[in-house]
Amino acid sequence: MKHRAVHFVQHYLLNPPLRLLFRIGAVPPGYALIETVGRRSGRTRRTPVGDGRVGGEFWIVAEHGRKAGYVRNLQANPRVRLKVRDGLRTRWLTGTAHALTDDDPRERQRWLAARRRGARSNAAAVRLFGTDLLTVRVDLDVTPHSR
């Protein structure tokens, strides 16, 4: 029941304004946008996530684990793009995503909070809304790809 309620709030109330901010270039600090290819439709899907960029990797703790649409999409096609804040601008990064079932998501959140500004508040929201936490690591390509 919690998953359904949280999904509704996020899908219809929280994510649309965040996607709009990304579209106009006003990316809120601590957020990124993951772009996956729909596993059935083949269309691009963009979902706001916490900005977990550390070195050549990008870390996400998915609130709904394997039930999250973007996690199901990246399992079907692990190539993803991430729109991240770079100073006052944004840029696209590309990479390959991996769902890490053997990683401790709560420990990963603590690790991220020590390395990323804003990760602590994102971790609190993920724990509050989350139903089945799952760590996702994106291995970023050496050169960023932009459109």
Protein backbone atom coordinates (compact mmCIF):
# COMPACT_ATOMS: atom_id res chain seq x y z
CA MET A 1 0.00 0.00 0.00
CA LYS A 2 2.82 2.43 0.87
CA HIS A 3 4.44 1.83 -2.53
CA ARG A 4 1.23 2.74 -4.37
CA ALA A 5 0.68 5.94 -2.39
CA VAL A 6 4.30 7.08 -2.69
CA HIS A 7 4.39 6.21 -6.41
CA PHE A 8 1.29 8.33 -7.01
CA VAL A 9 2.69 11.33 -5.11
CA GLN A 10 6.05 11.12 -6.84
CA HIS A 11 4.78 10.36 -10.33
CA TYR A 12 2.04 12.98 -10.45
CA LEU A 13 3.01 15.65 -7.90
CA LEU A 14 6.77 15.74 -7.22
CA ASN A 15 8.53 14.55 -10.39
CA PRO A 16 6.75 16.75 -13.00
CA PRO A 17 7.94 20.07 -11.46
CA LEU A 18 11.47 18.66 -11.10
CA ARG A 19 11.50 17.56 -14.75
CA LEU A 20 10.27 21.03 -15.73
CA LEU A 21 13.12 22.65 -13.78
CA PHE A 22 15.59 20.41 -15.62
CA ARG A 23 13.99 21.29 -18.95
CA ILE A 24 14.44 25.02 -18.38
CA GLY A 25 17.96 24.55 -16.99
CA ALA A 26 17.20 25.43 -13.36
CA VAL A 27 18.47 22.22 -11.80
CA PRO A 28 17.95 22.10 -8.05
CA PRO A 29 21.17 21.33 -6.13
CA GLY A 30 21.47 17.69 -5.11
CA TYR A 31 19.37 16.35 -7.99
CA ALA A 32 20.13 14.70 -11.30
CA LEU A 33 17.98 13.23 -14.04
CA ILE A 34 18.44 9.65 -15.21
CA GLU A 35 17.38 8.84 -18.75
CA THR A 36 16.60 5.24 -19.58
CA VAL A 37 15.02 3.55 -22.58
CA GLY A 38 11.55 2.13 -21.88
CA ARG A 39 11.74 -1.64 -21.75
CA ARG A 40 8.46 -2.04 -23.66
CA SER A 41 7.91 1.24 -25.46
CA GLY A 42 11.50 1.96 -26.51
CA ARG A 43 10.88 5.63 -25.65
CA THR A 44 13.22 7.64 -23.46
CA ARG A 45 12.14 7.99 -19.84
CA ARG A 46 13.52 10.64 -17.49
CA THR A 47 13.35 10.33 -13.74
CA PRO A 48 14.72 12.71 -11.08
CA VAL A 49 17.20 11.05 -8.71
CA GLY A 50 19.67 12.23 -6.09
CA ASP A 51 22.99 13.45 -7.47
CA GLY A 52 25.33 10.65 -6.44
CA ARG A 53 28.31 11.44 -8.68
CA VAL A 54 31.58 10.41 -7.05
CA GLY A 55 34.60 10.31 -9.35
CA GLY A 56 33.89 8.11 -12.37
CA GLU A 57 30.78 6.56 -10.83
CA PHE A 58 27.25 7.69 -10.15
CA TRP A 59 25.42 6.11 -7.20
CA ILE A 60 21.66 5.90 -6.74
CA VAL A 61 19.66 4.32 -3.94
CA ALA A 62 16.37 3.40 -5.60
CA GLU A 63 13.46 3.86 -3.20
CA HIS A 64 11.36 1.05 -4.62
CA GLY A 65 14.15 -1.29 -5.65
CA ARG A 66 13.32 -3.49 -8.61
CA LYS A 67 9.75 -2.13 -8.68
CA ALA A 68 11.00 1.30 -9.78
CA GLY A 69 10.31 1.85 -13.48
CA TYR A 70 13.77 3.21 -14.21
CA VAL A 71 15.39 0.20 -12.50
CA ARG A 72 13.33 -2.20 -14.62
CA ASN A 73 14.29 -0.18 -17.70
CA LEU A 74 18.00 -0.19 -16.94
CA GLN A 75 17.93 -3.93 -16.32
CA ALA A 76 16.57 -4.39 -19.84
CA ASN A 77 19.04 -1.85 -21.30
CA PRO A 78 21.83 -0.75 -18.92
CA ARG A 79 23.02 2.18 -21.08
CA VAL A 80 21.82 5.39 -19.46
CA ARG A 81 22.32 9.13 -19.60
CA LEU A 82 22.44 11.41 -16.57
CA LYS A 83 21.76 15.12 -16.63
CA VAL A 84 23.84 16.67 -13.88
CA ARG A 85 24.54 20.13 -12.62
CA ASP A 86 27.95 21.48 -13.57
CA GLY A 87 28.28 24.83 -11.80
CA LEU A 88 25.38 26.94 -13.05
CA ARG A 89 24.97 24.84 -16.21
CA THR A 90 23.92 21.27 -16.82
CA ARG A 91 25.49 18.54 -18.90
CA TRP A 92 24.73 15.01 -19.96
CA LEU A 93 26.92 12.10 -18.90
CA THR A 94 26.60 8.58 -20.28
CA GLY A 95 27.32 5.29 -18.60
CA THR A 96 26.36 1.72 -17.89
CA ALA A 97 24.12 0.97 -14.91
CA HIS A 98 24.29 -2.02 -12.58
CA ALA A 99 21.78 -2.99 -9.88
CA LEU A 100 23.82 -4.16 -6.87
CA THR A 101 21.75 -6.62 -4.88
CA ASP A 102 24.64 -7.44 -2.53
CA ASP A 103 25.28 -3.80 -1.53
CA ASP A 104 23.82 -2.34 1.70
CA PRO A 105 21.74 0.68 0.55
CA ARG A 106 21.70 2.35 3.98
CA GLU A 107 25.46 2.05 4.30
CA ARG A 108 25.79 3.37 0.75
CA GLN A 109 23.70 6.41 1.74
CA ARG A 110 26.04 7.08 4.69
CA TRP A 111 29.04 6.71 2.37
CA LEU A 112 27.49 9.14 -0.14
CA ALA A 113 26.58 11.66 2.58
CA ALA A 114 30.27 11.85 3.51
CA ARG A 115 31.19 12.62 -0.12
CA ARG A 116 28.29 14.58 -1.65
CA ARG A 117 26.79 17.79 -0.43
CA GLY A 118 23.01 17.40 -0.17
CA ALA A 119 23.17 13.61 -0.07
CA ARG A 120 22.12 13.51 3.60
CA SER A 121 18.74 15.17 2.89
CA ASN A 122 18.20 12.96 -0.17
CA ALA A 123 18.96 9.87 1.93
CA ALA A 124 16.38 10.94 4.53
CA ALA A 125 13.72 11.35 1.83
CA VAL A 126 14.60 7.99 0.27
CA ARG A 127 14.30 6.27 3.65
CA LEU A 128 10.99 8.05 4.37
CA PHE A 129 9.37 7.24 1.03
CA GLY A 130 11.24 4.02 0.27
CA THR A 131 9.72 0.57 0.39
CA ASP A 132 12.54 -1.67 -0.86
CA LEU A 133 15.91 0.10 -1.15
CA LEU A 134 18.34 -1.01 -3.85
CA THR A 135 21.75 0.38 -4.77
CA VAL A 136 22.43 1.20 -8.42
CA ARG A 137 25.92 2.09 -9.66
CA VAL A 138 26.46 3.75 -13.02
CA ASP A 139 29.96 3.41 -14.42
CA LEU A 140 30.42 6.69 -16.27
CA ASP A 141 32.03 6.79 -19.68
CA VAL A 142 35.40 8.53 -19.88
CA THR A 143 34.14 11.43 -22.00
CA PRO A 144 30.77 13.04 -21.27
CA HIS A 145 28.19 12.92 -24.02
CA SER A 146 26.00 15.92 -24.64
CA ARG A 147 23.17 16.63 -27.02
